[in-house]
Each structure stands twice: as structure tokens, then as C-alpha cells.
Amino acid sequence: EKRGVSMVFQSYAVWPHMTVFDNVAYGLRVRKLPRTEVAEQVERAL
């Protein structure tokens, strides 16, 4: 988690109980980014 890398797996590793937004936002929230920044980054990525 401290290497600055992200990984995309063969199995997708998408959490089925979450919405698309929450799946993408998860890593940003773990990093404790402000809510507005999370929303902006998720919208950009989607």
C-alpha cells in the first residue's frame, strides 16, 4: 500500500454489494481524501 502502484486483477475484484461509485471511491476513502475530492476523482475515472 506504500508503493504507489495499483493493480487490475483477472477476476476484476469488484465488490458486488457496492455501487459502481462506491467501488471506485473505496481506495480514495481509505486514503482519507475529502468528500468533494473523492467525488471529483470518481467522476473523472468513470
All heavy atoms as atom14 arrays in JSON, in Angstrom:
{
  "sequence": "EKRGVSMVFQSYAVWPHMTVFDNVAYGLRVRKLPRTEVAEQVERAL",
  "atom14_mask": [
    [1, 1, 1, 1, 1, 1, 1, 1, 1, 0, 0, 0, 0, 0],
    [1, 1, 1, 1, 1, 1, 1, 1, 1, 0, 0, 0, 0, 0],
    [1, 1, 1, 1, 1, 1, 1, 1, 1, 1, 1, 0, 0, 0],
    [1, 1, 1, 1, 0, 0, 0, 0, 0, 0, 0, 0, 0, 0],
    [1, 1, 1, 1, 1, 1, 1, 0, 0, 0, 0, 0, 0, 0],
    [1, 1, 1, 1, 1, 1, 0, 0, 0, 0, 0, 0, 0, 0],
    [1, 1, 1, 1, 1, 1, 1, 1, 0, 0, 0, 0, 0, 0],
    [1, 1, 1, 1, 1, 1, 1, 0, 0, 0, 0, 0, 0, 0],
    [1, 1, 1, 1, 1, 1, 1, 1, 1, 1, 1, 0, 0, 0],
    [1, 1, 1, 1, 1, 1, 1, 1, 1, 0, 0, 0, 0, 0],
    [1, 1, 1, 1, 1, 1, 0, 0, 0, 0, 0, 0, 0, 0],
    [1, 1, 1, 1, 1, 1, 1, 1, 1, 1, 1, 1, 0, 0],
    [1, 1, 1, 1, 1, 0, 0, 0, 0, 0, 0, 0, 0, 0],
    [1, 1, 1, 1, 1, 1, 1, 0, 0, 0, 0, 0, 0, 0],
    [1, 1, 1, 1, 1, 1, 1, 1, 1, 1, 1, 1, 1, 1],
    [1, 1, 1, 1, 1, 1, 1, 0, 0, 0, 0, 0, 0, 0],
    [1, 1, 1, 1, 1, 1, 1, 1, 1, 1, 0, 0, 0, 0],
    [1, 1, 1, 1, 1, 1, 1, 1, 0, 0, 0, 0, 0, 0],
    [1, 1, 1, 1, 1, 1, 1, 0, 0, 0, 0, 0, 0, 0],
    [1, 1, 1, 1, 1, 1, 1, 0, 0, 0, 0, 0, 0, 0],
    [1, 1, 1, 1, 1, 1, 1, 1, 1, 1, 1, 0, 0, 0],
    [1, 1, 1, 1, 1, 1, 1, 1, 0, 0, 0, 0, 0, 0],
    [1, 1, 1, 1, 1, 1, 1, 1, 0, 0, 0, 0, 0, 0],
    [1, 1, 1, 1, 1, 1, 1, 0, 0, 0, 0, 0, 0, 0],
    [1, 1, 1, 1, 1, 0, 0, 0, 0, 0, 0, 0, 0, 0],
    [1, 1, 1, 1, 1, 1, 1, 1, 1, 1, 1, 1, 0, 0],
    [1, 1, 1, 1, 0, 0, 0, 0, 0, 0, 0, 0, 0, 0],
    [1, 1, 1, 1, 1, 1, 1, 1, 0, 0, 0, 0, 0, 0],
    [1, 1, 1, 1, 1, 1, 1, 1, 1, 1, 1, 0, 0, 0],
    [1, 1, 1, 1, 1, 1, 1, 0, 0, 0, 0, 0, 0, 0],
    [1, 1, 1, 1, 1, 1, 1, 1, 1, 1, 1, 0, 0, 0],
    [1, 1, 1, 1, 1, 1, 1, 1, 1, 0, 0, 0, 0, 0],
    [1, 1, 1, 1, 1, 1, 1, 1, 0, 0, 0, 0, 0, 0],
    [1, 1, 1, 1, 1, 1, 1, 0, 0, 0, 0, 0, 0, 0],
    [1, 1, 1, 1, 1, 1, 1, 1, 1, 1, 1, 0, 0, 0],
    [1, 1, 1, 1, 1, 1, 1, 0, 0, 0, 0, 0, 0, 0],
    [1, 1, 1, 1, 1, 1, 1, 1, 1, 0, 0, 0, 0, 0],
    [1, 1, 1, 1, 1, 1, 1, 0, 0, 0, 0, 0, 0, 0],
    [1, 1, 1, 1, 1, 0, 0, 0, 0, 0, 0, 0, 0, 0],
    [1, 1, 1, 1, 1, 1, 1, 1, 1, 0, 0, 0, 0, 0],
    [1, 1, 1, 1, 1, 1, 1, 1, 1, 0, 0, 0, 0, 0],
    [1, 1, 1, 1, 1, 1, 1, 0, 0, 0, 0, 0, 0, 0],
    [1, 1, 1, 1, 1, 1, 1, 1, 1, 0, 0, 0, 0, 0],
    [1, 1, 1, 1, 1, 1, 1, 1, 1, 1, 1, 0, 0, 0],
    [1, 1, 1, 1, 1, 0, 0, 0, 0, 0, 0, 0, 0, 0],
    [1, 1, 1, 1, 1, 1, 1, 1, 0, 0, 0, 0, 0, 0]
  ],
  "atom14_positions": [
    [[0.8, -1.23, 0.0], [0.0, 0.0, 0.0], [0.84, 1.27, 0.0], [0.32, 2.38, -0.22], [-0.95, 0.01, 1.2], [-0.29, 0.1, 2.57], [0.1, -1.25, 3.15], [0.11, -2.25, 2.39], [0.4, -1.31, 4.35], [0.0, 0.0, 0.0], [0.0, 0.0, 0.0], [0.0, 0.0, 0.0], [0.0, 0.0, 0.0], [0.0, 0.0, 0.0]],
    [[2.16, 1.14, 0.22], [3.03, 2.32, 0.24], [3.93, 2.41, -1.0], [4.86, 3.19, -1.04], [3.89, 2.3, 1.5], [3.07, 2.45, 2.79], [3.95, 2.51, 4.02], [3.12, 2.69, 5.29], [3.97, 2.72, 6.51], [0.0, 0.0, 0.0], [0.0, 0.0, 0.0], [0.0, 0.0, 0.0], [0.0, 0.0, 0.0], [0.0, 0.0, 0.0]],
    [[3.62, 1.61, -2.01], [4.47, 1.59, -3.21], [3.96, 2.52, -4.3], [4.64, 2.7, -5.32], [4.59, 0.16, -3.75], [5.33, -0.77, -2.8], [5.71, -2.07, -3.46], [6.46, -2.93, -2.54], [7.15, -3.99, -2.89], [7.21, -4.35, -4.17], [7.81, -4.7, -1.99], [0.0, 0.0, 0.0], [0.0, 0.0, 0.0], [0.0, 0.0, 0.0]],
    [[2.75, 3.06, -4.16], [2.21, 3.96, -5.18], [1.81, 3.25, -6.45], [1.83, 3.84, -7.54], [0.0, 0.0, 0.0], [0.0, 0.0, 0.0], [0.0, 0.0, 0.0], [0.0, 0.0, 0.0], [0.0, 0.0, 0.0], [0.0, 0.0, 0.0], [0.0, 0.0, 0.0], [0.0, 0.0, 0.0], [0.0, 0.0, 0.0], [0.0, 0.0, 0.0]],
    [[1.46, 1.96, -6.33], [1.04, 1.18, -7.5], [-0.41, 0.77, -7.34], [-0.94, 0.69, -6.23], [1.92, -0.07, -7.71], [3.38, 0.31, -7.84], [1.72, -1.09, -6.6], [0.0, 0.0, 0.0], [0.0, 0.0, 0.0], [0.0, 0.0, 0.0], [0.0, 0.0, 0.0], [0.0, 0.0, 0.0], [0.0, 0.0, 0.0], [0.0, 0.0, 0.0]],
    [[-1.04, 0.5, -8.47], [-2.41, 0.0, -8.48], [-2.43, -1.25, -9.34], [-1.66, -1.35, -10.3], [-3.36, 1.05, -9.02], [-4.71, 0.64, -8.9], [0.0, 0.0, 0.0], [0.0, 0.0, 0.0], [0.0, 0.0, 0.0], [0.0, 0.0, 0.0], [0.0, 0.0, 0.0], [0.0, 0.0, 0.0], [0.0, 0.0, 0.0], [0.0, 0.0, 0.0]],
    [[-3.32, -2.19, -9.0], [-3.33, -3.46, -9.73], [-4.74, -3.8, -10.2], [-5.71, -3.63, -9.46], [-2.78, -4.58, -8.83], [-2.46, -5.87, -9.57], [-1.28, -6.86, -8.63], [-1.13, -8.31, -9.67], [0.0, 0.0, 0.0], [0.0, 0.0, 0.0], [0.0, 0.0, 0.0], [0.0, 0.0, 0.0], [0.0, 0.0, 0.0], [0.0, 0.0, 0.0]],
    [[-4.83, -4.27, -11.45], [-6.08, -4.74, -12.02], [-5.97, -6.25, -12.18], [-5.08, -6.74, -12.88], [-6.37, -4.09, -13.39], [-7.69, -4.59, -13.96], [-6.39, -2.57, -13.27], [0.0, 0.0, 0.0], [0.0, 0.0, 0.0], [0.0, 0.0, 0.0], [0.0, 0.0, 0.0], [0.0, 0.0, 0.0], [0.0, 0.0, 0.0], [0.0, 0.0, 0.0]],
    [[-6.88, -6.97, -11.52], [-6.78, -8.43, -11.47], [-7.62, -9.1, -12.55], [-8.55, -8.52, -13.11], [-7.24, -8.93, -10.1], [-6.37, -8.49, -8.95], [-6.65, -7.34, -8.25], [-5.25, -9.23, -8.58], [-5.86, -6.92, -7.2], [-4.45, -8.82, -7.53], [-4.75, -7.66, -6.84], [0.0, 0.0, 0.0], [0.0, 0.0, 0.0], [0.0, 0.0, 0.0]],
    [[-7.29, -10.36, -12.8], [-8.03, -11.18, -13.76], [-9.49, -11.33, -13.33], [-10.39, -11.35, -14.16], [-7.36, -12.55, -13.85], [-8.02, -13.53, -14.79], [-7.28, -14.85, -14.85], [-6.16, -14.97, -14.35], [-7.89, -15.85, -15.44], [0.0, 0.0, 0.0], [0.0, 0.0, 0.0], [0.0, 0.0, 0.0], [0.0, 0.0, 0.0], [0.0, 0.0, 0.0]],
    [[-9.73, -11.4, -12.03], [-11.08, -11.64, -11.51], [-11.87, -10.35, -11.29], [-12.95, -10.38, -10.72], [-10.99, -12.39, -10.19], [-10.28, -11.61, -9.23], [0.0, 0.0, 0.0], [0.0, 0.0, 0.0], [0.0, 0.0, 0.0], [0.0, 0.0, 0.0], [0.0, 0.0, 0.0], [0.0, 0.0, 0.0], [0.0, 0.0, 0.0], [0.0, 0.0, 0.0]],
    [[-11.32, -9.2, -11.72], [-11.91, -7.86, -11.57], [-11.87, -7.38, -10.11], [-11.61, -6.22, -9.85], [-13.36, -7.78, -12.06], [-13.65, -8.45, -13.37], [-14.83, -9.14, -13.58], [-12.75, -8.39, -14.42], [-15.1, -9.78, -14.79], [-13.0, -9.02, -15.64], [-14.18, -9.7, -15.8], [-14.44, -10.31, -16.99], [0.0, 0.0, 0.0], [0.0, 0.0, 0.0]],
    [[-12.19, -8.28, -9.13], [-12.22, -7.91, -7.71], [-13.15, -6.73, -7.45], [-12.86, -5.85, -6.65], [-10.8, -7.6, -7.21], [0.0, 0.0, 0.0], [0.0, 0.0, 0.0], [0.0, 0.0, 0.0], [0.0, 0.0, 0.0], [0.0, 0.0, 0.0], [0.0, 0.0, 0.0], [0.0, 0.0, 0.0], [0.0, 0.0, 0.0], [0.0, 0.0, 0.0]],
    [[-14.31, -6.71, -8.14], [-15.33, -5.69, -7.92], [-16.27, -6.19, -6.83], [-16.74, -7.32, -6.87], [-16.11, -5.43, -9.23], [-17.31, -4.53, -8.98], [-15.19, -4.79, -10.26], [0.0, 0.0, 0.0], [0.0, 0.0, 0.0], [0.0, 0.0, 0.0], [0.0, 0.0, 0.0], [0.0, 0.0, 0.0], [0.0, 0.0, 0.0], [0.0, 0.0, 0.0]],
    [[-16.52, -5.34, -5.83], [-17.4, -5.75, -4.72], [-18.86, -5.68, -5.15], [-19.38, -4.6, -5.45], [-17.15, -4.84, -3.51], [-15.8, -5.06, -2.92], [-15.38, -6.13, -2.22], [-14.68, -4.17, -2.98], [-14.07, -5.99, -1.84], [-13.61, -4.78, -2.29], [-14.47, -2.91, -3.56], [-12.37, -4.2, -2.15], [-13.23, -2.32, -3.42], [-12.2, -2.96, -2.72]],
    [[-19.55, -6.82, -5.17], [-20.92, -6.85, -5.7], [-21.94, -6.12, -4.83], [-22.97, -5.69, -5.33], [-21.23, -8.36, -5.76], [-20.32, -8.99, -4.76], [-19.07, -8.16, -4.77], [0.0, 0.0, 0.0], [0.0, 0.0, 0.0], [0.0, 0.0, 0.0], [0.0, 0.0, 0.0], [0.0, 0.0, 0.0], [0.0, 0.0, 0.0], [0.0, 0.0, 0.0]],
    [[-21.66, -5.95, -3.53], [-22.62, -5.3, -2.63], [-22.52, -3.78, -2.68], [-23.33, -3.09, -2.05], [-22.4, -5.79, -1.2], [-21.06, -5.39, -0.63], [-19.9, -6.02, -1.0], [-20.71, -4.43, 0.27], [-18.88, -5.48, -0.35], [-19.34, -4.52, 0.44], [0.0, 0.0, 0.0], [0.0, 0.0, 0.0], [0.0, 0.0, 0.0], [0.0, 0.0, 0.0]],
    [[-21.55, -3.26, -3.43], [-21.37, -1.81, -3.54], [-21.85, -1.32, -4.89], [-21.89, -2.06, -5.87], [-19.89, -1.42, -3.38], [-19.3, -1.64, -2.01], [-17.59, -1.01, -2.0], [-17.09, -1.45, -0.34], [0.0, 0.0, 0.0], [0.0, 0.0, 0.0], [0.0, 0.0, 0.0], [0.0, 0.0, 0.0], [0.0, 0.0, 0.0], [0.0, 0.0, 0.0]],
    [[-22.16, -0.03, -4.96], [-22.47, 0.58, -6.25], [-21.17, 0.79, -7.03], [-20.06, 0.66, -6.48], [-23.14, 1.95, -6.07], [-22.22, 2.84, -5.44], [-24.42, 1.84, -5.26], [0.0, 0.0, 0.0], [0.0, 0.0, 0.0], [0.0, 0.0, 0.0], [0.0, 0.0, 0.0], [0.0, 0.0, 0.0], [0.0, 0.0, 0.0], [0.0, 0.0, 0.0]],
    [[-21.32, 1.13, -8.28], [-20.16, 1.44, -9.11], [-19.37, 2.59, -8.49], [-18.14, 2.53, -8.39], [-20.61, 1.79, -10.54], [-19.47, 2.41, -11.35], [-21.15, 0.54, -11.25], [0.0, 0.0, 0.0], [0.0, 0.0, 0.0], [0.0, 0.0, 0.0], [0.0, 0.0, 0.0], [0.0, 0.0, 0.0], [0.0, 0.0, 0.0], [0.0, 0.0, 0.0]],
    [[-20.06, 3.63, -8.07], [-19.4, 4.79, -7.46], [-18.59, 4.35, -6.24], [-17.42, 4.73, -6.09], [-20.45, 5.83, -7.05], [-19.85, 7.09, -6.46], [-19.63, 8.21, -7.24], [-19.51, 7.15, -5.11], [-19.08, 9.37, -6.7], [-18.95, 8.3, -4.56], [-18.74, 9.41, -5.36], [0.0, 0.0, 0.0], [0.0, 0.0, 0.0], [0.0, 0.0, 0.0]],
    [[-19.19, 3.57, -5.36], [-18.51, 3.19, -4.13], [-17.33, 2.27, -4.39], [-16.33, 2.32, -3.66], [-19.5, 2.5, -3.17], [-20.52, 3.47, -2.59], [-20.2, 4.67, -2.51], [-21.62, 3.04, -2.22], [0.0, 0.0, 0.0], [0.0, 0.0, 0.0], [0.0, 0.0, 0.0], [0.0, 0.0, 0.0], [0.0, 0.0, 0.0], [0.0, 0.0, 0.0]],
    [[-17.41, 1.44, -5.42], [-16.27, 0.6, -5.78], [-15.07, 1.46, -6.16], [-13.95, 1.21, -5.72], [-16.64, -0.31, -6.96], [-17.07, -1.7, -6.53], [-16.25, -2.56, -6.26], [-18.38, -1.89, -6.45], [0.0, 0.0, 0.0], [0.0, 0.0, 0.0], [0.0, 0.0, 0.0], [0.0, 0.0, 0.0], [0.0, 0.0, 0.0], [0.0, 0.0, 0.0]],
    [[-15.31, 2.47, -6.99], [-14.22, 3.32, -7.46], [-13.73, 4.23, -6.33], [-12.53, 4.54, -6.24], [-14.67, 4.15, -8.67], [-13.56, 5.07, -9.15], [-15.11, 3.23, -9.81], [0.0, 0.0, 0.0], [0.0, 0.0, 0.0], [0.0, 0.0, 0.0], [0.0, 0.0, 0.0], [0.0, 0.0, 0.0], [0.0, 0.0, 0.0], [0.0, 0.0, 0.0]],
    [[-14.63, 4.63, -5.46], [-14.28, 5.56, -4.37], [-13.54, 4.89, -3.22], [-12.91, 5.58, -2.41], [-15.56, 6.22, -3.84], [0.0, 0.0, 0.0], [0.0, 0.0, 0.0], [0.0, 0.0, 0.0], [0.0, 0.0, 0.0], [0.0, 0.0, 0.0], [0.0, 0.0, 0.0], [0.0, 0.0, 0.0], [0.0, 0.0, 0.0], [0.0, 0.0, 0.0]],
    [[-13.61, 3.57, -3.15], [-13.1, 2.86, -1.97], [-11.64, 3.22, -1.65], [-11.3, 3.6, -0.52], [-13.23, 1.35, -2.16], [-12.78, 0.56, -0.96], [-13.61, 0.38, 0.14], [-11.49, 0.01, -0.91], [-13.19, -0.33, 1.25], [-11.06, -0.69, 0.2], [-11.91, -0.86, 1.26], [-11.49, -1.56, 2.37], [0.0, 0.0, 0.0], [0.0, 0.0, 0.0]],
    [[-10.78, 3.12, -2.66], [-9.36, 3.4, -2.42], [-9.1, 4.84, -2.03], [-8.2, 5.13, -1.23], [0.0, 0.0, 0.0], [0.0, 0.0, 0.0], [0.0, 0.0, 0.0], [0.0, 0.0, 0.0], [0.0, 0.0, 0.0], [0.0, 0.0, 0.0], [0.0, 0.0, 0.0], [0.0, 0.0, 0.0], [0.0, 0.0, 0.0], [0.0, 0.0, 0.0]],
    [[-9.92, 5.76, -2.55], [-9.76, 7.18, -2.21], [-10.19, 7.44, -0.77], [-9.56, 8.23, -0.05], [-10.59, 8.03, -3.17], [-10.24, 7.86, -4.66], [-11.27, 8.57, -5.53], [-8.84, 8.41, -4.94], [0.0, 0.0, 0.0], [0.0, 0.0, 0.0], [0.0, 0.0, 0.0], [0.0, 0.0, 0.0], [0.0, 0.0, 0.0], [0.0, 0.0, 0.0]],
    [[-11.25, 6.76, -0.36], [-11.72, 6.93, 1.02], [-10.74, 6.34, 2.01], [-10.54, 6.89, 3.1], [-13.1, 6.28, 1.17], [-14.2, 7.06, 0.46], [-15.49, 6.27, 0.39], [-16.58, 7.06, -0.21], [-17.68, 6.54, -0.72], [-17.85, 5.21, -0.71], [-18.61, 7.32, -1.24], [0.0, 0.0, 0.0], [0.0, 0.0, 0.0], [0.0, 0.0, 0.0]],
    [[-10.1, 5.21, 1.65], [-9.09, 4.62, 2.52], [-7.94, 5.6, 2.73], [-7.35, 5.67, 3.81], [-8.57, 3.3, 1.91], [-7.31, 2.82, 2.63], [-9.66, 2.22, 1.99], [0.0, 0.0, 0.0], [0.0, 0.0, 0.0], [0.0, 0.0, 0.0], [0.0, 0.0, 0.0], [0.0, 0.0, 0.0], [0.0, 0.0, 0.0], [0.0, 0.0, 0.0]],
    [[-7.67, 6.4, 1.7], [-6.61, 7.41, 1.81], [-7.08, 8.69, 2.49], [-6.35, 9.66, 2.57], [-6.07, 7.72, 0.4], [-5.26, 6.58, -0.18], [-4.97, 6.76, -1.65], [-4.09, 5.73, -2.17], [-4.5, 4.49, -2.49], [-5.78, 4.17, -2.36], [-3.64, 3.59, -2.92], [0.0, 0.0, 0.0], [0.0, 0.0, 0.0], [0.0, 0.0, 0.0]],
    [[-8.34, 8.66, 2.96], [-8.94, 9.75, 3.75], [-8.95, 11.09, 2.99], [-8.68, 12.16, 3.56], [-8.23, 9.9, 5.09], [-8.26, 8.63, 5.93], [-7.68, 8.86, 7.32], [-7.63, 7.56, 8.12], [-8.94, 6.91, 8.28], [0.0, 0.0, 0.0], [0.0, 0.0, 0.0], [0.0, 0.0, 0.0], [0.0, 0.0, 0.0], [0.0, 0.0, 0.0]],
    [[-9.25, 11.03, 1.69], [-9.38, 12.26, 0.92], [-10.7, 12.94, 1.24], [-11.69, 12.28, 1.6], [-9.32, 11.95, -0.57], [-8.0, 11.36, -1.11], [-8.09, 11.17, -2.62], [-6.83, 12.25, -0.76], [0.0, 0.0, 0.0], [0.0, 0.0, 0.0], [0.0, 0.0, 0.0], [0.0, 0.0, 0.0], [0.0, 0.0, 0.0], [0.0, 0.0, 0.0]],
    [[-10.78, 14.26, 1.12], [-12.04, 14.98, 1.36], [-13.15, 14.48, 0.43], [-12.88, 14.05, -0.7], [-11.69, 16.45, 1.06], [-10.2, 16.52, 1.19], [-9.67, 15.19, 0.78], [0.0, 0.0, 0.0], [0.0, 0.0, 0.0], [0.0, 0.0, 0.0], [0.0, 0.0, 0.0], [0.0, 0.0, 0.0], [0.0, 0.0, 0.0], [0.0, 0.0, 0.0]],
    [[-14.4, 14.56, 0.92], [-15.54, 14.03, 0.16], [-15.64, 14.65, -1.24], [-15.91, 13.96, -2.21], [-16.82, 14.27, 0.94], [-18.06, 13.74, 0.23], [-19.31, 13.96, 1.05], [-19.25, 13.21, 2.3], [-20.23, 13.2, 3.21], [-21.32, 13.92, 2.99], [-20.13, 12.47, 4.3], [0.0, 0.0, 0.0], [0.0, 0.0, 0.0], [0.0, 0.0, 0.0]],
    [[-15.43, 15.95, -1.33], [-15.55, 16.61, -2.63], [-14.47, 16.12, -3.6], [-14.74, 15.94, -4.79], [-15.43, 18.14, -2.48], [-14.2, 18.45, -1.8], [-16.61, 18.71, -1.71], [0.0, 0.0, 0.0], [0.0, 0.0, 0.0], [0.0, 0.0, 0.0], [0.0, 0.0, 0.0], [0.0, 0.0, 0.0], [0.0, 0.0, 0.0], [0.0, 0.0, 0.0]],
    [[-13.27, 15.89, -3.09], [-12.19, 15.4, -3.94], [-12.46, 13.97, -4.38], [-12.18, 13.6, -5.54], [-10.85, 15.48, -3.2], [-9.66, 15.17, -4.11], [-8.32, 15.41, -3.42], [-8.3, 16.09, -2.37], [-7.32, 14.91, -3.94], [0.0, 0.0, 0.0], [0.0, 0.0, 0.0], [0.0, 0.0, 0.0], [0.0, 0.0, 0.0], [0.0, 0.0, 0.0]],
    [[-13.02, 13.17, -3.47], [-13.39, 11.8, -3.83], [-14.39, 11.82, -4.98], [-14.24, 11.1, -5.98], [-13.97, 11.05, -2.61], [-14.61, 9.72, -3.07], [-12.9, 10.78, -1.57], [0.0, 0.0, 0.0], [0.0, 0.0, 0.0], [0.0, 0.0, 0.0], [0.0, 0.0, 0.0], [0.0, 0.0, 0.0], [0.0, 0.0, 0.0], [0.0, 0.0, 0.0]],
    [[-15.42, 12.65, -4.86], [-16.46, 12.73, -5.9], [-15.86, 13.16, -7.24], [-16.2, 12.61, -8.3], [-17.55, 13.69, -5.47], [0.0, 0.0, 0.0], [0.0, 0.0, 0.0], [0.0, 0.0, 0.0], [0.0, 0.0, 0.0], [0.0, 0.0, 0.0], [0.0, 0.0, 0.0], [0.0, 0.0, 0.0], [0.0, 0.0, 0.0], [0.0, 0.0, 0.0]],
    [[-14.96, 14.14, -7.2], [-14.34, 14.63, -8.43], [-13.49, 13.55, -9.09], [-13.55, 13.34, -10.31], [-13.47, 15.86, -8.13], [-14.26, 17.1, -7.78], [-13.36, 18.23, -7.3], [-12.12, 18.02, -7.27], [-13.88, 19.3, -6.94], [0.0, 0.0, 0.0], [0.0, 0.0, 0.0], [0.0, 0.0, 0.0], [0.0, 0.0, 0.0], [0.0, 0.0, 0.0]],
    [[-12.7, 12.85, -8.28], [-11.81, 11.82, -8.82], [-12.6, 10.63, -9.37], [-12.25, 10.07, -10.41], [-10.85, 11.33, -7.73], [-9.86, 12.37, -7.24], [-8.76, 12.62, -8.26], [-9.01, 13.24, -9.29], [-7.56, 12.17, -7.96], [0.0, 0.0, 0.0], [0.0, 0.0, 0.0], [0.0, 0.0, 0.0], [0.0, 0.0, 0.0], [0.0, 0.0, 0.0]],
    [[-13.69, 10.25, -8.68], [-14.52, 9.14, -9.14], [-15.19, 9.51, -10.46], [-15.22, 8.71, -11.41], [-15.57, 8.76, -8.08], [-16.58, 7.76, -8.67], [-14.9, 8.17, -6.86], [0.0, 0.0, 0.0], [0.0, 0.0, 0.0], [0.0, 0.0, 0.0], [0.0, 0.0, 0.0], [0.0, 0.0, 0.0], [0.0, 0.0, 0.0], [0.0, 0.0, 0.0]],
    [[-15.72, 10.72, -10.54], [-16.39, 11.15, -11.78], [-15.4, 11.18, -12.94], [-15.73, 10.75, -14.06], [-17.01, 12.54, -11.58], [-17.82, 12.99, -12.79], [-18.5, 14.34, -12.58], [-18.36, 14.92, -11.48], [-19.17, 14.79, -13.52], [0.0, 0.0, 0.0], [0.0, 0.0, 0.0], [0.0, 0.0, 0.0], [0.0, 0.0, 0.0], [0.0, 0.0, 0.0]],
    [[-14.2, 11.66, -12.68], [-13.17, 11.7, -13.72], [-12.84, 10.28, -14.19], [-12.78, 10.01, -15.39], [-11.91, 12.37, -13.19], [-10.74, 12.42, -14.19], [-9.47, 12.93, -13.54], [-8.98, 12.03, -12.51], [-8.18, 10.98, -12.75], [-7.78, 10.72, -13.98], [-7.78, 10.21, -11.77], [0.0, 0.0, 0.0], [0.0, 0.0, 0.0], [0.0, 0.0, 0.0]],
    [[-12.62, 9.37, -13.23], [-12.23, 8.0, -13.57], [-13.33, 7.27, -14.33], [-13.07, 6.57, -15.31], [-11.86, 7.23, -12.3], [0.0, 0.0, 0.0], [0.0, 0.0, 0.0], [0.0, 0.0, 0.0], [0.0, 0.0, 0.0], [0.0, 0.0, 0.0], [0.0, 0.0, 0.0], [0.0, 0.0, 0.0], [0.0, 0.0, 0.0], [0.0, 0.0, 0.0]],
    [[-14.59, 7.46, -13.88], [-15.7, 6.81, -14.58], [-15.89, 7.38, -15.98], [-16.26, 6.66, -16.92], [-16.99, 6.95, -13.76], [-17.07, 6.13, -12.47], [-18.35, 6.43, -11.73], [-16.97, 4.64, -12.77], [0.0, 0.0, 0.0], [0.0, 0.0, 0.0], [0.0, 0.0, 0.0], [0.0, 0.0, 0.0], [0.0, 0.0, 0.0], [0.0, 0.0, 0.0]]
  ]
}
